[in-house]
C-alpha atoms as a PDB file:
ATOM      1  CA  MET A   1     -13.842  -2.217  18.123  1.00  0.00           C
ATOM      2  CA  GLN A   2     -11.147   0.243  17.251  1.00  0.00           C
ATOM      3  CA  THR A   3     -11.242   2.859  14.490  1.00  0.00           C
ATOM      4  CA  THR A   4      -8.071   4.290  12.942  1.00  0.00           C
ATOM      5  CA  GLU A   5      -7.771   7.047  10.308  1.00  0.00           C
ATOM      6  CA  PHE A   6      -5.173   7.306   7.587  1.00  0.00           C
ATOM      7  CA  GLN A   7      -4.470  10.107   5.134  1.00  0.00           C
ATOM      8  CA  VAL A   8      -4.160   8.707   1.617  1.00  0.00           C
ATOM      9  CA  THR A   9      -2.580  10.752  -1.147  1.00  0.00           C
ATOM     10  CA  GLY A  10      -3.128  10.302  -4.864  1.00  0.00           C
ATOM     11  CA  MET A  11      -6.785   9.266  -4.937  1.00  0.00           C
ATOM     12  CA  THR A  12      -8.948  11.206  -7.378  1.00  0.00           C
ATOM     13  CA  CYS A  13     -12.077   9.136  -8.110  1.00  0.00           C
ATOM     14  CA  GLY A  14     -14.349   6.286  -7.204  1.00  0.00           C
ATOM     15  CA  HIS A  15     -12.084   3.793  -8.965  1.00  0.00           C
ATOM     16  CA  CYS A  16      -9.274   4.898  -6.633  1.00  0.00           C
ATOM     17  CA  GLU A  17     -11.518   4.326  -3.643  1.00  0.00           C
ATOM     18  CA  SER A  18     -12.391   0.826  -4.899  1.00  0.00           C
ATOM     19  CA  ALA A  19      -8.756  -0.066  -5.429  1.00  0.00           C
ATOM     20  CA  VAL A  20      -7.856   1.008  -1.889  1.00  0.00           C
ATOM     21  CA  ARG A  21     -10.910  -0.706  -0.416  1.00  0.00           C
ATOM     22  CA  GLY A  22     -10.078  -3.961  -2.243  1.00  0.00           C
ATOM     23  CA  GLU A  23      -6.490  -4.134  -0.967  1.00  0.00           C
ATOM     24  CA  VAL A  24      -7.227  -2.976   2.564  1.00  0.00           C
ATOM     25  CA  SER A  25     -10.101  -5.491   2.900  1.00  0.00           C
ATOM     26  CA  GLN A  26      -7.511  -8.282   2.728  1.00  0.00           C
ATOM     27  CA  VAL A  27      -5.842  -7.148   5.946  1.00  0.00           C
ATOM     28  CA  PRO A  28      -6.879  -9.578   8.721  1.00  0.00           C
ATOM     29  CA  GLY A  29      -9.115  -8.179  11.481  1.00  0.00           C
ATOM     30  CA  ILE A  30     -10.656  -5.306   9.576  1.00  0.00           C
ATOM     31  CA  THR A  31     -14.428  -5.252   9.984  1.00  0.00           C
ATOM     32  CA  ASP A  32     -15.302  -1.973   8.188  1.00  0.00           C
ATOM     33  CA  ILE A  33     -13.669   0.356   5.660  1.00  0.00           C
ATOM     34  CA  GLU A  34     -14.602   3.909   4.742  1.00  0.00           C
ATOM     35  CA  VAL A  35     -12.590   5.661   2.072  1.00  0.00           C
ATOM     36  CA  SER A  36     -13.050   9.026   0.377  1.00  0.00           C
ATOM     37  CA  ALA A  37     -11.125  10.302  -2.631  1.00  0.00           C
ATOM     38  CA  GLN A  38     -12.564  13.747  -1.984  1.00  0.00           C
ATOM     39  CA  THR A  39     -11.084  14.096   1.495  1.00  0.00           C
ATOM     40  CA  GLY A  40      -8.246  11.534   1.205  1.00  0.00           C
ATOM     41  CA  VAL A  41      -9.347   9.896   4.417  1.00  0.00           C
ATOM     42  CA  LEU A  42      -9.299   6.122   4.963  1.00  0.00           C
ATOM     43  CA  ARG A  43     -11.029   4.954   8.129  1.00  0.00           C
ATOM     44  CA  VAL A  44     -10.745   1.316   9.157  1.00  0.00           C
ATOM     45  CA  THR A  45     -12.531  -0.399  12.008  1.00  0.00           C
ATOM     46  CA  THR A  46     -10.952  -3.492  13.511  1.00  0.00           C
ATOM     47  CA  SER A  47     -11.955  -6.027  16.077  1.00  0.00           C
ATOM     48  CA  ASP A  48      -8.539  -5.743  17.791  1.00  0.00           C
ATOM     49  CA  ALA A  49      -5.606  -3.369  17.498  1.00  0.00           C
ATOM     50  CA  VAL A  50      -5.056  -2.337  13.903  1.00  0.00           C
ATOM     51  CA  ASP A  51      -1.852  -3.395  12.132  1.00  0.00           C
ATOM     52  CA  THR A  52      -1.016   0.032  10.739  1.00  0.00           C
ATOM     53  CA  ALA A  53       1.967  -1.261   8.793  1.00  0.00           C
ATOM     54  CA  ALA A  54      -0.248  -3.831   7.043  1.00  0.00           C
ATOM     55  CA  VAL A  55      -2.866  -1.172   6.161  1.00  0.00           C
ATOM     56  CA  ILE A  56      -0.220   1.196   4.798  1.00  0.00           C
ATOM     57  CA  ALA A  57       1.337  -1.642   2.799  1.00  0.00           C
ATOM     58  CA  ALA A  58      -2.107  -2.507   1.344  1.00  0.00           C
ATOM     59  CA  VAL A  59      -2.689   1.111   0.300  1.00  0.00           C
ATOM     60  CA  GLU A  60       0.745   1.164  -1.338  1.00  0.00           C
ATOM     61  CA  GLU A  61      -0.135  -2.093  -3.140  1.00  0.00           C
ATOM     62  CA  ALA A  62      -3.134  -0.251  -4.579  1.00  0.00           C
ATOM     63  CA  GLY A  63      -0.755   2.476  -5.880  1.00  0.00           C
ATOM     64  CA  TYR A  64      -1.207   5.224  -3.291  1.00  0.00           C
ATOM     65  CA  GLU A  65       0.586   6.534  -0.210  1.00  0.00           C
ATOM     66  CA  ALA A  66      -0.847   6.514   3.309  1.00  0.00           C
ATOM     67  CA  ALA A  67       0.069   7.753   6.745  1.00  0.00           C
ATOM     68  CA  THR A  68      -1.699   7.582  10.073  1.00  0.00           C
ATOM     69  CA  VAL A  69      -3.491  10.738  11.150  1.00  0.00           C
END
């Protein structure tokens, strides 16, 4: 298992968290997602190496910006 953190900008509420979680959950290999609008942190756990570009693209699809920490 590998855990990777991303900083997400633009989230302000639980709906934002749900939108990010919904998009990121579609990225293959992700086994767990933690996201907090309060801190702006997205933490994903994967079974193999995380595809950071796919996670960032998923966050952007949800309407937010992300970068690896």
